[in-house]
Amino acid sequence: MEIRGKKPWGTGLEIKTEVVNGLCPNCDQDVILVSLFNNHYRCINCGGDLKQKVNGVISYIPIGMAGGPKTTLTRLNGPDKA
């Protein structure tokens, strides 16, 4: 086993998180977006992956293949009960 750095897991892992408010184009709501990777965000409401574009105005564009299937979330424990 090769050990990188002084610790068994090495020292090469750096995570830079960012939390911002924005309008999610997938669920059309003002939400909190969380980023773990440069300019890539995830909506905490619908789970959609977004890329930040800055062109005079900050906007968030869905990430995915054009014409490909959209990511959907399925509730496993049944409908909400009032």
N, C-alpha and C. Protein backbone atom coordinates (compact mmCIF):
# COMPACT_ATOMS: atom_id res chain seq x y z
N MET A 1 0.84 -1.18 0.00
CA MET A 1 0.00 0.00 0.00
C MET A 1 0.88 1.23 0.00
N GLU A 2 0.62 2.13 -0.93
CA GLU A 2 1.38 3.37 -1.01
C GLU A 2 0.68 4.44 -0.20
N ILE A 3 1.45 5.11 0.65
CA ILE A 3 0.89 6.17 1.47
C ILE A 3 1.35 7.50 0.91
N ARG A 4 0.40 8.35 0.59
CA ARG A 4 0.72 9.68 0.07
C ARG A 4 0.57 10.68 1.21
N GLY A 5 1.56 11.51 1.39
CA GLY A 5 1.52 12.48 2.49
C GLY A 5 1.84 11.77 3.79
N LYS A 6 1.55 12.41 4.89
CA LYS A 6 1.88 11.86 6.20
C LYS A 6 0.73 11.05 6.79
N LYS A 7 -0.45 11.19 6.23
CA LYS A 7 -1.62 10.47 6.73
C LYS A 7 -1.94 9.33 5.78
N PRO A 8 -2.66 8.29 6.24
CA PRO A 8 -2.97 7.16 5.36
C PRO A 8 -3.77 7.56 4.12
N TRP A 9 -4.59 8.60 4.20
CA TRP A 9 -5.41 9.00 3.06
C TRP A 9 -4.77 10.11 2.24
N GLY A 10 -3.59 10.58 2.65
CA GLY A 10 -2.91 11.61 1.90
C GLY A 10 -3.44 12.99 2.24
N THR A 11 -2.95 13.98 1.52
CA THR A 11 -3.37 15.35 1.79
C THR A 11 -3.87 16.05 0.53
N GLY A 12 -4.15 15.33 -0.53
CA GLY A 12 -4.53 15.94 -1.80
C GLY A 12 -5.99 16.29 -1.95
N LEU A 13 -6.82 16.02 -0.94
CA LEU A 13 -8.26 16.27 -1.08
C LEU A 13 -8.63 17.59 -0.43
N GLU A 14 -9.12 18.51 -1.23
CA GLU A 14 -9.62 19.78 -0.72
C GLU A 14 -11.03 19.97 -1.26
N ILE A 15 -11.95 20.25 -0.37
CA ILE A 15 -13.34 20.47 -0.77
C ILE A 15 -13.69 21.92 -0.44
N LYS A 16 -14.12 22.65 -1.45
CA LYS A 16 -14.55 24.04 -1.27
C LYS A 16 -16.05 24.08 -1.48
N THR A 17 -16.78 24.29 -0.42
CA THR A 17 -18.24 24.34 -0.52
C THR A 17 -18.70 25.78 -0.64
N GLU A 18 -19.85 25.94 -1.28
CA GLU A 18 -20.46 27.27 -1.41
C GLU A 18 -21.97 27.08 -1.36
N VAL A 19 -22.63 27.93 -0.59
CA VAL A 19 -24.08 27.88 -0.48
C VAL A 19 -24.61 29.25 -0.92
N VAL A 20 -25.52 29.24 -1.91
CA VAL A 20 -26.07 30.49 -2.46
C VAL A 20 -27.58 30.37 -2.60
N ASN A 21 -28.23 31.50 -2.70
CA ASN A 21 -29.66 31.55 -3.03
C ASN A 21 -29.78 31.78 -4.52
N GLY A 22 -30.77 31.15 -5.15
CA GLY A 22 -30.96 31.35 -6.57
C GLY A 22 -32.29 30.78 -7.04
N LEU A 23 -32.61 31.05 -8.29
CA LEU A 23 -33.83 30.54 -8.90
C LEU A 23 -33.50 29.27 -9.67
N CYS A 24 -34.09 28.15 -9.25
CA CYS A 24 -33.85 26.87 -9.91
C CYS A 24 -34.75 26.78 -11.14
N PRO A 25 -34.17 26.58 -12.34
CA PRO A 25 -35.00 26.47 -13.54
C PRO A 25 -35.77 25.14 -13.61
N ASN A 26 -35.36 24.14 -12.83
CA ASN A 26 -36.06 22.86 -12.85
C ASN A 26 -37.37 22.91 -12.08
N CYS A 27 -37.35 23.50 -10.89
CA CYS A 27 -38.58 23.53 -10.07
C CYS A 27 -39.19 24.92 -10.01
N ASP A 28 -38.60 25.91 -10.69
CA ASP A 28 -39.12 27.28 -10.78
C ASP A 28 -39.40 27.90 -9.41
N GLN A 29 -38.48 27.69 -8.46
CA GLN A 29 -38.64 28.27 -7.13
C GLN A 29 -37.34 28.92 -6.70
N ASP A 30 -37.46 29.90 -5.79
CA ASP A 30 -36.30 30.51 -5.17
C ASP A 30 -35.80 29.54 -4.11
N VAL A 31 -34.59 29.02 -4.27
CA VAL A 31 -34.11 27.93 -3.41
C VAL A 31 -32.68 28.19 -2.97
N ILE A 32 -32.18 27.30 -2.13
CA ILE A 32 -30.78 27.29 -1.73
C ILE A 32 -30.06 26.30 -2.63
N LEU A 33 -28.92 26.74 -3.19
CA LEU A 33 -28.12 25.89 -4.06
C LEU A 33 -26.78 25.63 -3.37
N VAL A 34 -26.33 24.37 -3.40
CA VAL A 34 -25.10 23.97 -2.75
C VAL A 34 -24.10 23.52 -3.80
N SER A 35 -22.85 23.99 -3.67
CA SER A 35 -21.80 23.65 -4.62
C SER A 35 -20.64 22.97 -3.91
N LEU A 36 -20.17 21.86 -4.46
CA LEU A 36 -18.96 21.20 -3.99
C LEU A 36 -17.87 21.25 -5.05
N PHE A 37 -18.24 21.64 -6.25
CA PHE A 37 -17.33 21.68 -7.39
C PHE A 37 -17.46 23.04 -8.06
N ASN A 38 -16.44 23.52 -8.68
CA ASN A 38 -16.39 24.85 -9.26
C ASN A 38 -17.54 25.10 -10.25
N ASN A 39 -18.42 26.06 -9.93
CA ASN A 39 -19.54 26.49 -10.78
C ASN A 39 -20.60 25.42 -11.04
N HIS A 40 -20.62 24.34 -10.28
CA HIS A 40 -21.66 23.32 -10.40
C HIS A 40 -22.43 23.27 -9.09
N TYR A 41 -23.75 23.40 -9.19
CA TYR A 41 -24.60 23.49 -8.00
C TYR A 41 -25.69 22.43 -8.04
N ARG A 42 -26.24 22.14 -6.87
CA ARG A 42 -27.37 21.22 -6.75
C ARG A 42 -28.48 21.91 -5.95
N CYS A 43 -29.68 21.87 -6.49
CA CYS A 43 -30.86 22.43 -5.83
C CYS A 43 -31.25 21.53 -4.66
N ILE A 44 -31.45 22.11 -3.47
CA ILE A 44 -31.82 21.27 -2.34
C ILE A 44 -33.32 20.96 -2.33
N ASN A 45 -34.08 21.60 -3.21
CA ASN A 45 -35.52 21.34 -3.28
C ASN A 45 -35.82 20.15 -4.21
N CYS A 46 -35.31 20.18 -5.44
CA CYS A 46 -35.63 19.13 -6.41
C CYS A 46 -34.45 18.21 -6.70
N GLY A 47 -33.25 18.57 -6.27
CA GLY A 47 -32.08 17.73 -6.52
C GLY A 47 -31.47 17.92 -7.90
N GLY A 48 -31.92 18.92 -8.64
CA GLY A 48 -31.42 19.16 -9.99
C GLY A 48 -29.99 19.69 -9.98
N ASP A 49 -29.18 19.23 -10.92
CA ASP A 49 -27.81 19.70 -11.07
C ASP A 49 -27.79 20.88 -12.02
N LEU A 50 -27.09 21.95 -11.60
CA LEU A 50 -27.07 23.19 -12.35
C LEU A 50 -25.65 23.69 -12.54
N LYS A 51 -25.44 24.47 -13.59
CA LYS A 51 -24.15 25.11 -13.83
C LYS A 51 -24.38 26.61 -13.80
N GLN A 52 -23.50 27.33 -13.09
CA GLN A 52 -23.64 28.77 -12.97
C GLN A 52 -23.03 29.45 -14.19
N LYS A 53 -23.79 30.36 -14.79
CA LYS A 53 -23.33 31.17 -15.92
C LYS A 53 -23.37 32.63 -15.50
N VAL A 54 -22.29 33.37 -15.76
CA VAL A 54 -22.24 34.78 -15.43
C VAL A 54 -22.02 35.55 -16.72
N ASN A 55 -23.03 36.33 -17.11
CA ASN A 55 -22.94 37.15 -18.31
C ASN A 55 -23.68 38.46 -18.02
N GLY A 56 -23.15 39.22 -17.08
CA GLY A 56 -23.83 40.41 -16.63
C GLY A 56 -24.87 40.11 -15.57
N VAL A 57 -25.47 38.93 -15.65
CA VAL A 57 -26.45 38.45 -14.68
C VAL A 57 -26.08 37.02 -14.32
N ILE A 58 -26.16 36.68 -13.04
CA ILE A 58 -25.88 35.30 -12.64
C ILE A 58 -27.12 34.46 -12.91
N SER A 59 -26.98 33.39 -13.68
CA SER A 59 -28.09 32.48 -13.94
C SER A 59 -27.61 31.05 -13.80
N TYR A 60 -28.54 30.14 -13.60
CA TYR A 60 -28.23 28.73 -13.39
C TYR A 60 -28.89 27.94 -14.51
N ILE A 61 -28.09 27.12 -15.20
CA ILE A 61 -28.54 26.35 -16.35
C ILE A 61 -28.53 24.86 -15.98
N PRO A 62 -29.61 24.12 -16.27
CA PRO A 62 -29.61 22.68 -15.98
C PRO A 62 -28.47 21.96 -16.70
N ILE A 63 -27.86 21.00 -16.03
CA ILE A 63 -26.81 20.19 -16.63
C ILE A 63 -27.45 18.89 -17.10
N GLY A 64 -27.17 18.50 -18.32
CA GLY A 64 -27.71 17.26 -18.85
C GLY A 64 -27.58 17.25 -20.35
N MET A 65 -27.86 16.12 -20.94
CA MET A 65 -27.78 15.99 -22.39
C MET A 65 -29.05 16.55 -23.01
N ALA A 66 -28.90 17.28 -24.10
CA ALA A 66 -30.06 17.82 -24.79
C ALA A 66 -30.94 16.68 -25.29
N GLY A 67 -32.20 16.74 -24.97
CA GLY A 67 -33.14 15.72 -25.39
C GLY A 67 -33.08 14.45 -24.56
N GLY A 68 -32.18 14.42 -23.58
CA GLY A 68 -32.05 13.24 -22.72
C GLY A 68 -33.11 13.22 -21.63
N PRO A 69 -33.17 12.14 -20.88
CA PRO A 69 -34.16 12.04 -19.82
C PRO A 69 -33.85 13.01 -18.69
N LYS A 70 -34.90 13.55 -18.08
CA LYS A 70 -34.74 14.44 -16.93
C LYS A 70 -34.69 13.60 -15.67
N THR A 71 -33.93 14.08 -14.71
CA THR A 71 -33.84 13.39 -13.43
C THR A 71 -35.12 13.64 -12.65
N THR A 72 -35.73 12.59 -12.12
CA THR A 72 -36.93 12.73 -11.32
C THR A 72 -36.73 12.03 -9.99
N LEU A 73 -37.39 12.54 -8.97
CA LEU A 73 -37.34 11.94 -7.65
C LEU A 73 -38.64 11.22 -7.39
N THR A 74 -38.57 10.04 -6.81
CA THR A 74 -39.75 9.24 -6.52
C THR A 74 -39.84 9.04 -5.03
N ARG A 75 -41.01 9.33 -4.46
CA ARG A 75 -41.21 9.14 -3.02
C ARG A 75 -41.44 7.65 -2.77
N LEU A 76 -40.64 7.06 -1.88
CA LEU A 76 -40.73 5.64 -1.62
C LEU A 76 -41.70 5.28 -0.51
N ASN A 77 -42.02 6.25 0.36
CA ASN A 77 -42.87 5.92 1.51
C ASN A 77 -44.31 6.36 1.32
N GLY A 78 -44.76 6.57 0.10
CA GLY A 78 -46.14 6.91 -0.18
C GLY A 78 -46.42 8.40 -0.13
N PRO A 79 -47.64 8.81 -0.42
CA PRO A 79 -47.99 10.23 -0.46
C PRO A 79 -48.00 10.84 0.95
N ASP A 80 -47.85 12.17 0.98
CA ASP A 80 -47.91 12.89 2.27
C ASP A 80 -49.32 12.78 2.84
N LYS A 81 -49.40 12.65 4.13
CA LYS A 81 -50.72 12.60 4.79
C LYS A 81 -50.90 13.86 5.60
N ALA A 82 -52.05 14.48 5.47
CA ALA A 82 -52.33 15.73 6.18
C ALA A 82 -52.79 15.46 7.60
